[in-house]
């Protein structure tokens, strides 16, 4: 009986250690998000392979992200990257914040 009383705390400690050891890695270990504007060096609204060359995983997935194969990533294409900071994507000057260029609202003559 005394042996069981002595082993009780040890069994509990081992169980707790096993549970804590099986927890998933914390988010602190995941790669940081990168915003589009920090990569778009010339601020032309596109990311080229030259601008992406210093970020290994962006450089390695550039061809997959470049949907139309024009050798540039638009903000929409860039947003598909798993490390994209989509909270800081630029707004297209063609559409503005409303999402419309307004051409459909111009009366025809």
PDB file of N, CA and C in Angstrom:
ATOM      1  N   UNK A   1       0.820  -1.185   0.000  1.00  0.00           N
ATOM      2  CA  UNK A   1       0.000   0.000   0.000  1.00  0.00           C
ATOM      3  C   UNK A   1       0.865   1.249   0.000  1.00  0.00           C
ATOM      4  N   UNK A   2       1.973   1.222   0.794  1.00  0.00           N
ATOM      5  CA  UNK A   2       2.852   2.380   0.847  1.00  0.00           C
ATOM      6  C   UNK A   2       3.517   2.620  -0.513  1.00  0.00           C
ATOM      7  N   UNK A   3       3.828   1.570  -1.205  1.00  0.00           N
ATOM      8  CA  UNK A   3       4.437   1.710  -2.518  1.00  0.00           C
ATOM      9  C   UNK A   3       3.487   2.419  -3.470  1.00  0.00           C
ATOM     10  N   UNK A   4       2.221   2.076  -3.413  1.00  0.00           N
ATOM     11  CA  UNK A   4       1.221   2.725  -4.268  1.00  0.00           C
ATOM     12  C   UNK A   4       1.099   4.192  -3.920  1.00  0.00           C
ATOM     13  N   UNK A   5       1.186   4.539  -2.639  1.00  0.00           N
ATOM     14  CA  UNK A   5       1.101   5.943  -2.237  1.00  0.00           C
ATOM     15  C   UNK A   5       2.317   6.725  -2.732  1.00  0.00           C
ATOM     16  N   UNK A   6       3.465   6.119  -2.754  1.00  0.00           N
ATOM     17  CA  UNK A   6       4.685   6.786  -3.212  1.00  0.00           C
ATOM     18  C   UNK A   6       4.689   6.958  -4.730  1.00  0.00           C
ATOM     19  N   UNK A   7       4.133   5.968  -5.423  1.00  0.00           N
ATOM     20  CA  UNK A   7       4.132   6.026  -6.882  1.00  0.00           C
ATOM     21  C   UNK A   7       3.060   6.956  -7.440  1.00  0.00           C
ATOM     22  N   UNK A   8       2.030   7.265  -6.680  1.00  0.00           N
ATOM     23  CA  UNK A   8       0.939   8.119  -7.152  1.00  0.00           C
ATOM     24  C   UNK A   8       1.422   9.449  -7.729  1.00  0.00           C
ATOM     25  N   UNK A   9       2.206  10.245  -6.979  1.00  0.00           N
ATOM     26  CA  UNK A   9       2.694  11.522  -7.510  1.00  0.00           C
ATOM     27  C   UNK A   9       3.605  11.345  -8.724  1.00  0.00           C
ATOM     28  N   UNK A  10       4.359  10.282  -8.770  1.00  0.00           N
ATOM     29  CA  UNK A  10       5.247  10.032  -9.912  1.00  0.00           C
ATOM     30  C   UNK A  10       4.423   9.739 -11.161  1.00  0.00           C
ATOM     31  N   UNK A  11       3.397   8.919 -11.020  1.00  0.00           N
ATOM     32  CA  UNK A  11       2.524   8.589 -12.149  1.00  0.00           C
ATOM     33  C   UNK A  11       1.850   9.845 -12.672  1.00  0.00           C
ATOM     34  N   UNK A  12       1.392  10.691 -11.770  1.00  0.00           N
ATOM     35  CA  UNK A  12       0.741  11.937 -12.179  1.00  0.00           C
ATOM     36  C   UNK A  12       1.738  12.842 -12.909  1.00  0.00           C
ATOM     37  N   UNK A  13       2.947  12.962 -12.388  1.00  0.00           N
ATOM     38  CA  UNK A  13       3.967  13.804 -13.019  1.00  0.00           C
ATOM     39  C   UNK A  13       4.308  13.294 -14.422  1.00  0.00           C
ATOM     40  N   UNK A  14       4.426  11.981 -14.571  1.00  0.00           N
ATOM     41  CA  UNK A  14       4.722  11.397 -15.880  1.00  0.00           C
ATOM     42  C   UNK A  14       3.574  11.657 -16.854  1.00  0.00           C
ATOM     43  N   UNK A  15       2.344  11.537 -16.386  1.00  0.00           N
ATOM     44  CA  UNK A  15       1.178  11.786 -17.242  1.00  0.00           C
ATOM     45  C   UNK A  15       1.136  13.237 -17.690  1.00  0.00           C
ATOM     46  N   UNK A  16       1.401  14.161 -16.785  1.00  0.00           N
ATOM     47  CA  UNK A  16       1.411  15.584 -17.140  1.00  0.00           C
ATOM     48  C   UNK A  16       2.517  15.869 -18.152  1.00  0.00           C
ATOM     49  N   UNK A  17       3.689  15.309 -17.939  1.00  0.00           N
ATOM     50  CA  UNK A  17       4.798  15.511 -18.878  1.00  0.00           C
ATOM     51  C   UNK A  17       4.453  14.976 -20.259  1.00  0.00           C
ATOM     52  N   UNK A  18       3.782  13.840 -20.317  1.00  0.00           N
ATOM     53  CA  UNK A  18       3.389  13.261 -21.602  1.00  0.00           C
ATOM     54  C   UNK A  18       2.384  14.158 -22.317  1.00  0.00           C
ATOM     55  N   UNK A  19       1.438  14.704 -21.564  1.00  0.00           N
ATOM     56  CA  UNK A  19       0.435  15.585 -22.165  1.00  0.00           C
ATOM     57  C   UNK A  19       1.089  16.860 -22.681  1.00  0.00           C
ATOM     58  N   UNK A  20       1.943  17.470 -21.878  1.00  0.00           N
ATOM     59  CA  UNK A  20       2.600  18.710 -22.298  1.00  0.00           C
ATOM     60  C   UNK A  20       3.546  18.486 -23.469  1.00  0.00           C
ATOM     61  N   UNK A  21       4.170  17.343 -23.509  1.00  0.00           N
ATOM     62  CA  UNK A  21       5.088  17.041 -24.603  1.00  0.00           C
ATOM     63  C   UNK A  21       4.395  16.816 -25.928  1.00  0.00           C
ATOM     64  N   UNK A  22       3.096  16.502 -25.896  1.00  0.00           N
ATOM     65  CA  UNK A  22       2.372  16.233 -27.128  1.00  0.00           C
ATOM     66  C   UNK A  22       1.630  17.458 -27.665  1.00  0.00           C
ATOM     67  N   UNK A  23       1.786  18.618 -27.023  1.00  0.00           N
ATOM     68  CA  UNK A  23       1.119  19.829 -27.487  1.00  0.00           C
ATOM     69  C   UNK A  23       1.737  20.293 -28.793  1.00  0.00           C
ATOM     70  N   UNK A  24       0.937  20.876 -29.706  1.00  0.00           N
ATOM     71  CA  UNK A  24       1.486  21.385 -30.957  1.00  0.00           C
ATOM     72  C   UNK A  24       2.426  22.555 -30.706  1.00  0.00           C
ATOM     73  N   UNK A  25       3.299  22.793 -31.667  1.00  0.00           N
ATOM     74  CA  UNK A  25       4.261  23.889 -31.549  1.00  0.00           C
ATOM     75  C   UNK A  25       3.519  25.212 -31.443  1.00  0.00           C
ATOM     76  N   UNK A  26       4.090  26.122 -30.709  1.00  0.00           N
ATOM     77  CA  UNK A  26       3.436  27.416 -30.531  1.00  0.00           C
ATOM     78  C   UNK A  26       3.539  28.245 -31.802  1.00  0.00           C
ATOM     79  N   UNK A  27       2.665  29.245 -31.893  1.00  0.00           N
ATOM     80  CA  UNK A  27       2.659  30.100 -33.078  1.00  0.00           C
ATOM     81  C   UNK A  27       3.916  30.944 -33.154  1.00  0.00           C
ATOM     82  N   UNK A  28       4.647  31.080 -32.054  1.00  0.00           N
ATOM     83  CA  UNK A  28       5.885  31.857 -32.066  1.00  0.00           C
ATOM     84  C   UNK A  28       6.926  31.209 -32.975  1.00  0.00           C
ATOM     85  N   UNK A  29       6.789  29.915 -33.224  1.00  0.00           N
ATOM     86  CA  UNK A  29       7.749  29.219 -34.068  1.00  0.00           C
ATOM     87  C   UNK A  29       7.398  29.303 -35.548  1.00  0.00           C
ATOM     88  N   UNK A  30       6.204  29.762 -35.888  1.00  0.00           N
ATOM     89  CA  UNK A  30       5.808  29.838 -37.288  1.00  0.00           C
ATOM     90  C   UNK A  30       6.438  31.063 -37.944  1.00  0.00           C
ATOM     91  N   UNK A  31       6.680  30.998 -39.256  1.00  0.00           N
ATOM     92  CA  UNK A  31       7.303  32.123 -39.942  1.00  0.00           C
ATOM     93  C   UNK A  31       6.416  33.367 -39.877  1.00  0.00           C
ATOM     94  N   UNK A  32       7.060  34.515 -39.852  1.00  0.00           N
ATOM     95  CA  UNK A  32       6.315  35.764 -39.749  1.00  0.00           C
ATOM     96  C   UNK A  32       5.644  36.118 -41.072  1.00  0.00           C
ATOM     97  N   UNK A  33       4.591  36.898 -40.980  1.00  0.00           N
ATOM     98  CA  UNK A  33       3.869  37.398 -42.151  1.00  0.00           C
ATOM     99  C   UNK A  33       4.650  38.553 -42.757  1.00  0.00           C
ATOM    100  N   UNK A  34       4.568  38.684 -44.074  1.00  0.00           N
ATOM    101  CA  UNK A  34       5.282  39.741 -44.784  1.00  0.00           C
ATOM    102  C   UNK A  34       4.290  40.502 -45.648  1.00  0.00           C
ATOM    103  N   UNK A  35       4.281  41.825 -45.502  1.00  0.00           N
ATOM    104  CA  UNK A  35       3.317  42.596 -46.280  1.00  0.00           C
ATOM    105  C   UNK A  35       3.865  42.907 -47.678  1.00  0.00           C
ATOM    106  N   UNK A  36       2.957  43.029 -48.617  1.00  0.00           N
ATOM    107  CA  UNK A  36       3.243  43.237 -50.032  1.00  0.00           C
ATOM    108  C   UNK A  36       4.140  44.461 -50.248  1.00  0.00           C
ATOM    109  N   UNK A  37       3.808  45.557 -49.583  1.00  0.00           N
ATOM    110  CA  UNK A  37       4.532  46.810 -49.805  1.00  0.00           C
ATOM    111  C   UNK A  37       5.996  46.736 -49.387  1.00  0.00           C
ATOM    112  N   UNK A  38       6.325  45.873 -48.446  1.00  0.00           N
ATOM    113  CA  UNK A  38       7.723  45.750 -48.035  1.00  0.00           C
ATOM    114  C   UNK A  38       8.551  44.992 -49.068  1.00  0.00           C
ATOM    115  N   UNK A  39       7.915  44.216 -49.927  1.00  0.00           N
ATOM    116  CA  UNK A  39       8.622  43.468 -50.966  1.00  0.00           C
ATOM    117  C   UNK A  39       8.652  44.252 -52.276  1.00  0.00           C
ATOM    118  N   UNK A  40       7.601  44.992 -52.568  1.00  0.00           N
ATOM    119  CA  UNK A  40       7.490  45.774 -53.804  1.00  0.00           C
ATOM    120  C   UNK A  40       8.420  46.986 -53.714  1.00  0.00           C
ATOM    121  N   UNK A  41       9.697  46.757 -54.000  1.00  0.00           N
ATOM    122  CA  UNK A  41      10.730  47.778 -53.800  1.00  0.00           C
ATOM    123  C   UNK A  41      10.495  49.047 -54.606  1.00  0.00           C
ATOM    124  N   UNK A  42      10.063  48.922 -55.856  1.00  0.00           N
ATOM    125  CA  UNK A  42       9.878  50.113 -56.693  1.00  0.00           C
ATOM    126  C   UNK A  42       8.461  50.677 -56.620  1.00  0.00           C
ATOM    127  N   UNK A  43       7.625  50.085 -55.781  1.00  0.00           N
ATOM    128  CA  UNK A  43       6.256  50.560 -55.519  1.00  0.00           C
ATOM    129  C   UNK A  43       5.419  50.697 -56.785  1.00  0.00           C
ATOM    130  N   UNK A  44       5.563  49.722 -57.699  1.00  0.00           N
ATOM    131  CA  UNK A  44       4.770  49.747 -58.931  1.00  0.00           C
ATOM    132  C   UNK A  44       3.512  48.891 -58.841  1.00  0.00           C
ATOM    133  N   UNK A  45       3.240  48.326 -57.663  1.00  0.00           N
ATOM    134  CA  UNK A  45       2.044  47.523 -57.472  1.00  0.00           C
ATOM    135  C   UNK A  45       2.194  46.078 -57.890  1.00  0.00           C
ATOM    136  N   UNK A  46       3.432  45.647 -58.179  1.00  0.00           N
ATOM    137  CA  UNK A  46       3.709  44.261 -58.580  1.00  0.00           C
ATOM    138  C   UNK A  46       4.997  43.804 -57.905  1.00  0.00           C
ATOM    139  N   UNK A  47       5.100  42.521 -57.671  1.00  0.00           N
ATOM    140  CA  UNK A  47       6.328  41.933 -57.143  1.00  0.00           C
ATOM    141  C   UNK A  47       6.948  41.100 -58.245  1.00  0.00           C
ATOM    142  N   UNK A  48       8.202  41.361 -58.552  1.00  0.00           N
ATOM    143  CA  UNK A  48       8.926  40.628 -59.591  1.00  0.00           C
ATOM    144  C   UNK A  48       9.804  39.557 -58.937  1.00  0.00           C
ATOM    145  N   UNK A  49      10.312  38.628 -59.743  1.00  0.00           N
ATOM    146  CA  UNK A  49      11.229  37.629 -59.178  1.00  0.00           C
ATOM    147  C   UNK A  49      12.460  38.267 -58.532  1.00  0.00           C
ATOM    148  N   UNK A  50      12.935  39.380 -59.078  1.00  0.00           N
ATOM    149  CA  UNK A  50      14.098  40.069 -58.496  1.00  0.00           C
ATOM    150  C   UNK A  50      13.744  40.601 -57.105  1.00  0.00           C
ATOM    151  N   UNK A  51      12.543  41.159 -56.958  1.00  0.00           N
ATOM    152  CA  UNK A  51      12.120  41.681 -55.660  1.00  0.00           C
ATOM    153  C   UNK A  51      11.883  40.553 -54.655  1.00  0.00           C
ATOM    154  N   UNK A  52      11.537  39.382 -55.134  1.00  0.00           N
ATOM    155  CA  UNK A  52      11.248  38.241 -54.266  1.00  0.00           C
ATOM    156  C   UNK A  52      12.469  37.377 -53.972  1.00  0.00           C
ATOM    157  N   UNK A  53      13.600  37.675 -54.580  1.00  0.00           N
ATOM    158  CA  UNK A  53      14.752  36.777 -54.504  1.00  0.00           C
ATOM    159  C   UNK A  53      15.330  36.601 -53.100  1.00  0.00           C
ATOM    160  N   UNK A  54      15.143  37.543 -52.210  1.00  0.00           N
ATOM    161  CA  UNK A  54      15.729  37.431 -50.870  1.00  0.00           C
ATOM    162  C   UNK A  54      14.858  36.669 -49.874  1.00  0.00           C
ATOM    163  N   UNK A  55      13.684  36.239 -50.298  1.00  0.00           N
ATOM    164  CA  UNK A  55      12.782  35.487 -49.419  1.00  0.00           C
ATOM    165  C   UNK A  55      12.637  34.090 -50.024  1.00  0.00           C
ATOM    166  N   UNK A  56      13.342  33.140 -49.437  1.00  0.00           N
ATOM    167  CA  UNK A  56      13.444  31.794 -50.017  1.00  0.00           C
ATOM    168  C   UNK A  56      12.101  31.171 -50.379  1.00  0.00           C
ATOM    169  N   UNK A  57      11.151  31.138 -49.426  1.00  0.00           N
ATOM    170  CA  UNK A  57       9.907  30.430 -49.726  1.00  0.00           C
ATOM    171  C   UNK A  57       9.039  31.183 -50.729  1.00  0.00           C
ATOM    172  N   UNK A  58       9.157  32.504 -50.826  1.00  0.00           N
ATOM    173  CA  UNK A  58       8.436  33.236 -51.867  1.00  0.00           C
ATOM    174  C   UNK A  58       9.087  32.981 -53.220  1.00  0.00           C
ATOM    175  N   UNK A  59      10.403  33.017 -53.258  1.00  0.00           N
ATOM    176  CA  UNK A  59      11.125  32.738 -54.502  1.00  0.00           C
ATOM    177  C   UNK A  59      10.806  31.330 -55.013  1.00  0.00           C
ATOM    178  N   UNK A  60      10.742  30.367 -54.100  1.00  0.00           N
ATOM    179  CA  UNK A  60      10.495  28.975 -54.486  1.00  0.00           C
ATOM    180  C   UNK A  60       9.059  28.719 -54.942  1.00  0.00           C
ATOM    181  N   UNK A  61       8.108  29.541 -54.507  1.00  0.00           N
ATOM    182  CA  UNK A  61       6.718  29.339 -54.903  1.00  0.00           C
ATOM    183  C   UNK A  61       6.222  30.393 -55.892  1.00  0.00           C
ATOM    184  N   UNK A  62       7.106  31.249 -56.351  1.00  0.00           N
ATOM    185  CA  UNK A  62       6.722  32.352 -57.236  1.00  0.00           C
ATOM    186  C   UNK A  62       5.947  31.854 -58.455  1.00  0.00           C
ATOM    187  N   UNK A  63       6.452  30.821 -59.113  1.00  0.00           N
ATOM    188  CA  UNK A  63       5.810  30.297 -60.315  1.00  0.00           C
ATOM    189  C   UNK A  63       4.412  29.753 -60.069  1.00  0.00           C
ATOM    190  N   UNK A  64       4.182  29.210 -58.892  1.00  0.00           N
ATOM    191  CA  UNK A  64       2.861  28.687 -58.545  1.00  0.00           C
ATOM    192  C   UNK A  64       1.896  29.845 -58.254  1.00  0.00           C
ATOM    193  N   UNK A  65       2.391  30.869 -57.589  1.00  0.00           N
ATOM    194  CA  UNK A  65       1.553  32.021 -57.247  1.00  0.00           C
ATOM    195  C   UNK A  65       1.209  32.867 -58.473  1.00  0.00           C
ATOM    196  N   UNK A  66       2.115  32.920 -59.434  1.00  0.00           N
ATOM    197  CA  UNK A  66       1.926  33.741 -60.637  1.00  0.00           C
ATOM    198  C   UNK A  66       0.941  33.036 -61.580  1.00  0.00           C
ATOM    199  N   UNK A  67      -0.325  33.249 -61.334  1.00  0.00           N
ATOM    200  CA  UNK A  67      -1.389  32.514 -62.037  1.00  0.00           C
ATOM    201  C   UNK A  67      -1.355  32.745 -63.545  1.00  0.00           C
ATOM    202  N   UNK A  68      -1.155  33.986 -63.972  1.00  0.00           N
ATOM    203  CA  UNK A  68      -1.196  34.288 -65.410  1.00  0.00           C
ATOM    204  C   UNK A  68       0.185  34.216 -66.068  1.00  0.00           C
ATOM    205  N   UNK A  69       1.196  33.812 -65.324  1.00  0.00           N
ATOM    206  CA  UNK A  69       2.557  33.578 -65.840  1.00  0.00           C
ATOM    207  C   UNK A  69       3.131  34.797 -66.558  1.00  0.00           C
ATOM    208  N   UNK A  70       2.935  35.987 -65.958  1.00  0.00           N
ATOM    209  CA  UNK A  70       3.494  37.205 -66.547  1.00  0.00           C
ATOM    210  C   UNK A  70       4.761  37.664 -65.831  1.00  0.00           C
ATOM    211  N   UNK A  71       5.316  36.789 -64.977  1.00  0.00           N
ATOM    212  CA  UNK A  71       6.548  37.059 -64.234  1.00  0.00           C
ATOM    213  C   UNK A  71       6.405  38.196 -63.224  1.00  0.00           C
ATOM    214  N   UNK A  72       5.187  38.484 -62.804  1.00  0.00           N
ATOM    215  CA  UNK A  72       4.947  39.437 -61.721  1.00  0.00           C
ATOM    216  C   UNK A  72       3.814  38.904 -60.855  1.00  0.00           C
ATOM    217  N   UNK A  73       3.833  39.295 -59.584  1.00  0.00           N
ATOM    218  CA  UNK A  73       2.742  38.948 -58.681  1.00  0.00           C
ATOM    219  C   UNK A  73       1.943  40.208 -58.391  1.00  0.00           C
ATOM    220  N   UNK A  74       0.673  40.159 -58.694  1.00  0.00           N
ATOM    221  CA  UNK A  74      -0.233  41.240 -58.329  1.00  0.00           C
ATOM    222  C   UNK A  74      -0.587  41.069 -56.847  1.00  0.00           C
ATOM    223  N   UNK A  75      -1.195  42.064 -56.237  1.00  0.00           N
ATOM    224  CA  UNK A  75      -1.617  41.880 -54.846  1.00  0.00           C
ATOM    225  C   UNK A  75      -2.534  40.666 -54.661  1.00  0.00           C
ATOM    226  N   UNK A  76      -3.405  40.406 -55.615  1.00  0.00           N
ATOM    227  CA  UNK A  76      -4.306  39.247 -55.514  1.00  0.00           C
ATOM    228  C   UNK A  76      -3.524  37.934 -55.590  1.00  0.00           C
ATOM    229  N   UNK A  77      -2.547  37.855 -56.471  1.00  0.00           N
ATOM    230  CA  UNK A  77      -1.733  36.642 -56.569  1.00  0.00           C
ATOM    231  C   UNK A  77      -0.880  36.478 -55.312  1.00  0.00           C
ATOM    232  N   UNK A  78      -0.317  37.573 -54.839  1.00  0.00           N
ATOM    233  CA  UNK A  78       0.507  37.553 -53.639  1.00  0.00           C
ATOM    234  C   UNK A  78      -0.296  37.089 -52.425  1.00  0.00           C
ATOM    235  N   UNK A  79      -1.557  37.467 -52.360  1.00  0.00           N
ATOM    236  CA  UNK A  79      -2.414  37.121 -51.225  1.00  0.00           C
ATOM    237  C   UNK A  79      -2.568  35.612 -51.057  1.00  0.00           C
ATOM    238  N   UNK A  80      -2.314  34.842 -52.092  1.00  0.00           N
ATOM    239  CA  UNK A  80      -2.416  33.378 -52.026  1.00  0.00           C
ATOM    240  C   UNK A  80      -1.237  32.745 -51.294  1.00  0.00           C
ATOM    241  N   UNK A  81      -0.139  33.504 -51.119  1.00  0.00           N
ATOM    242  CA  UNK A  81       1.059  32.997 -50.436  1.00  0.00           C
ATOM    243  C   UNK A  81       0.735  32.810 -48.961  1.00  0.00           C
ATOM    244  N   UNK A  82       1.167  31.705 -48.368  1.00  0.00           N
ATOM    245  CA  UNK A  82       0.807  31.405 -46.983  1.00  0.00           C
ATOM    246  C   UNK A  82       1.428  32.351 -45.970  1.00  0.00           C
ATOM    247  N   UNK A  83       2.451  33.124 -46.340  1.00  0.00           N
ATOM    248  CA  UNK A  83       3.048  34.090 -45.414  1.00  0.00           C
ATOM    249  C   UNK A  83       2.646  35.527 -45.721  1.00  0.00           C
ATOM    250  N   UNK A  84       1.710  35.710 -46.653  1.00  0.00           N
ATOM    251  CA  UNK A  84       1.271  37.057 -47.018  1.00  0.00           C
ATOM    252  C   UNK A  84       0.510  37.702 -45.874  1.00  0.00           C
ATOM    253  N   UNK A  85       0.850  38.951 -45.595  1.00  0.00           N
ATOM    254  CA  UNK A  85       0.094  39.731 -44.621  1.00  0.00           C
ATOM    255  C   UNK A  85      -1.011  40.431 -45.398  1.00  0.00           C
ATOM    256  N   UNK A  86      -2.167  39.798 -45.467  1.00  0.00           N
ATOM    257  CA  UNK A  86      -3.261  40.299 -46.294  1.00  0.00           C
ATOM    258  C   UNK A  86      -3.954  41.519 -45.710  1.00  0.00           C
ATOM    259  N   UNK A  87      -3.538  41.946 -44.532  1.00  0.00           N
ATOM    260  CA  UNK A  87      -4.135  43.149 -43.954  1.00  0.00           C
ATOM    261  C   UNK A  87      -3.511  44.412 -44.537  1.00  0.00           C
ATOM    262  N   UNK A  88      -2.400  44.264 -45.241  1.00  0.00           N
ATOM    263  CA  UNK A  88      -1.692  45.432 -45.769  1.00  0.00           C
ATOM    264  C   UNK A  88      -1.533  45.394 -47.284  1.00  0.00           C
ATOM    265  N   UNK A  89      -2.494  44.809 -47.980  1.00  0.00           N
ATOM    266  CA  UNK A  89      -2.425  44.773 -49.438  1.00  0.00           C
ATOM    267  C   UNK A  89      -2.823  46.129 -50.006  1.00  0.00           C
ATOM    268  N   UNK A  90      -2.125  46.573 -51.053  1.00  0.00           N
ATOM    269  CA  UNK A  90      -2.480  47.860 -51.655  1.00  0.00           C
ATOM    270  C   UNK A  90      -3.811  47.775 -52.396  1.00  0.00           C
ATOM    271  N   UNK A  91      -4.463  48.904 -52.528  1.00  0.00           N
ATOM    272  CA  UNK A  91      -5.721  48.996 -53.265  1.00  0.00           C
ATOM    273  C   UNK A  91      -5.389  49.369 -54.698  1.00  0.00           C
ATOM    274  N   UNK A  92      -5.969  48.672 -55.637  1.00  0.00           N
ATOM    275  CA  UNK A  92      -5.727  48.945 -57.045  1.00  0.00           C
ATOM    276  C   UNK A  92      -6.229  50.338 -57.407  1.00  0.00           C
ATOM    277  N   UNK A  93      -5.409  51.168 -58.049  1.00  0.00           N
ATOM    278  CA  UNK A  93      -5.872  52.493 -58.427  1.00  0.00           C
ATOM    279  C   UNK A  93      -6.991  52.445 -59.461  1.00  0.00           C
ATOM    280  N   UNK A  94      -7.106  51.334 -60.180  1.00  0.00           N
ATOM    281  CA  UNK A  94      -8.148  51.221 -61.201  1.00  0.00           C
ATOM    282  C   UNK A  94      -9.532  51.065 -60.582  1.00  0.00           C
ATOM    283  N   UNK A  95      -9.572  50.456 -59.415  1.00  0.00           N
ATOM    284  CA  UNK A  95     -10.873  50.212 -58.812  1.00  0.00           C
ATOM    285  C   UNK A  95     -11.121  51.039 -57.560  1.00  0.00           C
ATOM    286  N   UNK A  96     -10.076  51.442 -56.875  1.00  0.00           N
ATOM    287  CA  UNK A  96     -10.266  52.212 -55.648  1.00  0.00           C
ATOM    288  C   UNK A  96     -10.904  51.383 -54.561  1.00  0.00           C
ATOM    289  N   UNK A  97     -11.330  52.028 -53.500  1.00  0.00           N
ATOM    290  CA  UNK A  97     -11.889  51.322 -52.348  1.00  0.00           C
ATOM    291  C   UNK A  97     -13.255  50.718 -52.637  1.00  0.00           C
ATOM    292  N   UNK A  98     -13.990  51.295 -53.570  1.00  0.00           N
ATOM    293  CA  UNK A  98     -15.349  50.809 -53.828  1.00  0.00           C
ATOM    294  C   UNK A  98     -15.373  49.524 -54.633  1.00  0.00           C
ATOM    295  N   UNK A  99     -14.274  49.223 -55.318  1.00  0.00           N
ATOM    296  CA  UNK A  99     -14.245  48.019 -56.154  1.00  0.00           C
ATOM    297  C   UNK A  99     -14.785  48.263 -57.548  1.00  0.00           C
ATOM    298  N   UNK A 100     -15.056  49.515 -57.886  1.00  0.00           N
ATOM    299  CA  UNK A 100     -15.609  49.856 -59.183  1.00  0.00           C
ATOM    300  C   UNK A 100     -14.852  51.034 -59.763  1.00  0.00           C
ATOM    301  N   UNK A 101     -14.551  50.981 -61.049  1.00  0.00           N
ATOM    302  CA  UNK A 101     -13.883  52.107 -61.690  1.00  0.00           C
ATOM    303  C   UNK A 101     -14.875  53.221 -62.001  1.00  0.00           C
ATOM    304  N   UNK A 102     -16.148  52.922 -61.893  1.00  0.00           N
ATOM    305  CA  UNK A 102     -17.182  53.915 -62.098  1.00  0.00           C
ATOM    306  C   UNK A 102     -17.632  54.043 -63.538  1.00  0.00           C
ATOM    307  N   UNK A 103     -16.985  53.341 -64.475  1.00  0.00           N
ATOM    308  CA  UNK A 103     -17.310  53.470 -65.888  1.00  0.00           C
ATOM    309  C   UNK A 103     -18.751  53.070 -66.180  1.00  0.00           C
ATOM    310  N   UNK A 104     -19.284  52.141 -65.450  1.00  0.00           N
ATOM    311  CA  UNK A 104     -20.659  51.710 -65.714  1.00  0.00           C
ATOM    312  C   UNK A 104     -21.681  52.763 -65.280  1.00  0.00           C
ATOM    313  N   UNK A 105     -21.229  53.775 -64.547  1.00  0.00           N
ATOM    314  CA  UNK A 105     -22.134  54.824 -64.082  1.00  0.00           C
ATOM    315  C   UNK A 105     -22.138  56.065 -64.977  1.00  0.00           C
ATOM    316  N   UNK A 106     -21.286  56.079 -65.994  1.00  0.00           N
ATOM    317  CA  UNK A 106     -21.215  57.214 -66.904  1.00  0.00           C
ATOM    318  C   UNK A 106     -22.323  57.071 -67.946  1.00  0.00           C
ATOM    319  N   UNK A 107     -23.170  58.088 -68.082  1.00  0.00           N
ATOM    320  CA  UNK A 107     -24.260  57.974 -69.050  1.00  0.00           C
ATOM    321  C   UNK A 107     -23.739  57.958 -70.478  1.00  0.00           C
ATOM    322  N   UNK A 108     -24.374  57.189 -71.315  1.00  0.00           N
ATOM    323  CA  UNK A 108     -24.006  57.124 -72.734  1.00  0.00           C
ATOM    324  C   UNK A 108     -24.629  58.286 -73.473  1.00  0.00           C
ATOM    325  N   UNK A 109     -23.915  58.821 -74.425  1.00  0.00           N
ATOM    326  CA  UNK A 109     -24.425  59.941 -75.215  1.00  0.00           C
ATOM    327  C   UNK A 109     -25.014  59.499 -76.523  1.00  0.00           C
TER     328      UNK A 109
END
